Every structure is written in structure tokens, then in C-alpha cells.
Amino acid sequence: MKVDIEKLKQGLEQLTGVEHMAAEKEARRRGANVIEINFSKCFQAVVAAKALGVSYEEIANLKVKDFVLVTMTVFTFLESSEDGTPLREEIQ
């Protein structure tokens, strides 16, 4: 599977809070035990799968460079504001 990063970004923009919470629940069921769920590769893969409309397994079985690109894209999306500013800096 080859991931279209632009399609991933568009899919991420469409996700809702309900889908985010469902992704967290699924990631925790799959063993994600981190306190801040956004840091979990498992969670990021679940979110990517939801955004792309594919299975978690399809994302998890990507070649490592593609997997890292996908999960980093999700992480960057979740941790940045509209203008790309890290959210954690804005909150403080």
C-alpha cells in the first residue's frame, strides 16, 4: 500500500472528536499505555487508518519509512494549530 499524504491530511481535517475518542479507545485496547495518547504510534496508526478509510493492519504493515511518515504526519497534525504553531506552546 502506498499512502497519499495529501489524502491523509484531508482525512485528518474531517475527523471529529467522537472519532478521536474512539481511536483512543481502540489504541488502548491494542495496548497503548502512554498517558498522553497523541505520543503513541499505535494511536497515530489508528487515527491514520480512520482518516484514510483503511484498516489499522494496512497502516501497521506499511514499510517502516512509510509508517514513520504517516505517524509523524498524524502527530504533527494533532499537535499543531492551523498556522503550524505547536499547540503545547500556545497553551502555556
Protein backbone atom coordinates (compact mmCIF):
# COMPACT_ATOMS: atom_id res chain seq x y z
CA MET A 1 0.00 0.00 0.00
CA LYS A 2 1.27 3.47 -0.89
CA VAL A 3 -0.15 6.28 1.24
CA ASP A 4 -1.21 9.56 -0.34
CA ILE A 5 -0.10 12.07 2.32
CA GLU A 6 -2.36 14.81 0.94
CA LYS A 7 -5.33 12.45 1.21
CA LEU A 8 -4.25 11.64 4.77
CA LYS A 9 -4.11 15.35 5.66
CA GLN A 10 -7.56 15.93 4.13
CA GLY A 11 -8.94 12.95 6.06
CA LEU A 12 -7.46 14.23 9.30
CA GLU A 13 -9.20 17.57 8.78
CA GLN A 14 -12.55 15.75 8.60
CA LEU A 15 -12.21 13.68 11.80
CA THR A 16 -14.41 14.57 14.75
CA GLY A 17 -13.86 14.49 18.48
CA VAL A 18 -16.04 11.38 18.67
CA GLU A 19 -13.73 9.64 16.19
CA HIS A 20 -10.67 10.82 18.13
CA MET A 21 -12.06 9.30 21.34
CA ALA A 22 -12.95 6.07 19.52
CA ALA A 23 -9.39 5.93 18.16
CA GLU A 24 -8.02 6.34 21.68
CA LYS A 25 -10.24 3.54 22.95
CA GLU A 26 -9.10 1.26 20.12
CA ALA A 27 -5.43 2.12 20.65
CA ARG A 28 -5.70 1.39 24.38
CA ARG A 29 -7.39 -1.92 23.57
CA ARG A 30 -4.42 -2.68 21.30
CA GLY A 31 -2.01 -2.00 24.17
CA ALA A 32 -1.20 1.73 24.03
CA ASN A 33 -0.38 2.50 27.66
CA VAL A 34 1.02 6.04 27.43
CA ILE A 35 -0.54 8.80 29.48
CA GLU A 36 -0.63 11.30 26.58
CA ILE A 37 -2.22 9.25 23.80
CA ASN A 38 -1.01 11.54 20.98
CA PHE A 39 2.53 10.23 21.57
CA SER A 40 1.53 6.61 20.87
CA LYS A 41 2.49 5.19 17.45
CA CYS A 42 -0.40 2.74 17.84
CA PHE A 43 -2.84 5.63 18.35
CA GLN A 44 -1.36 7.56 15.44
CA ALA A 45 -1.78 4.47 13.23
CA VAL A 46 -5.41 4.07 14.32
CA VAL A 47 -6.09 7.74 13.54
CA ALA A 48 -4.38 7.44 10.15
CA ALA A 49 -6.48 4.39 9.33
CA LYS A 50 -9.68 6.26 10.22
CA ALA A 51 -8.60 9.30 8.20
CA LEU A 52 -7.80 7.18 5.14
CA GLY A 53 -10.72 4.77 5.47
CA VAL A 54 -8.46 1.71 5.65
CA SER A 55 -7.81 -0.90 8.32
CA TYR A 56 -5.34 -0.46 11.16
CA GLU A 57 -3.49 -3.50 9.85
CA GLU A 58 -2.91 -1.79 6.49
CA ILE A 59 -1.21 1.10 8.25
CA ALA A 60 0.70 -1.09 10.72
CA ASN A 61 2.05 -3.24 7.86
CA LEU A 62 3.49 -0.34 5.87
CA LYS A 63 7.22 -0.35 5.23
CA VAL A 64 8.91 1.37 8.15
CA LYS A 65 9.77 4.61 6.30
CA ASP A 66 6.17 4.93 5.10
CA PHE A 67 4.85 4.04 8.57
CA VAL A 68 7.00 6.71 10.21
CA LEU A 69 5.95 9.30 7.61
CA VAL A 70 2.28 8.50 8.21
CA THR A 71 2.50 8.51 12.01
CA MET A 72 4.59 11.70 12.08
CA THR A 73 2.04 13.36 9.80
CA VAL A 74 -0.73 12.43 12.26
CA PHE A 75 1.33 13.57 15.26
CA THR A 76 2.20 16.90 13.63
CA PHE A 77 -1.46 17.44 12.72
CA LEU A 78 -2.66 16.68 16.25
CA GLU A 79 -0.01 18.78 17.95
CA SER A 80 -0.13 21.88 15.71
CA SER A 81 -2.55 24.75 15.25
CA GLU A 82 -3.86 25.94 11.89
CA ASP A 83 -0.72 28.00 11.25
CA GLY A 84 1.66 25.19 12.25
CA THR A 85 2.44 26.56 15.70
CA PRO A 86 2.87 23.78 18.26
CA LEU A 87 -0.23 23.69 20.46
CA ARG A 88 1.68 23.00 23.63
CA GLU A 89 3.47 26.34 23.31
CA GLU A 90 0.15 28.16 22.76
CA ILE A 91 -1.42 26.64 25.88
CA GLN A 92 1.36 27.76 28.24
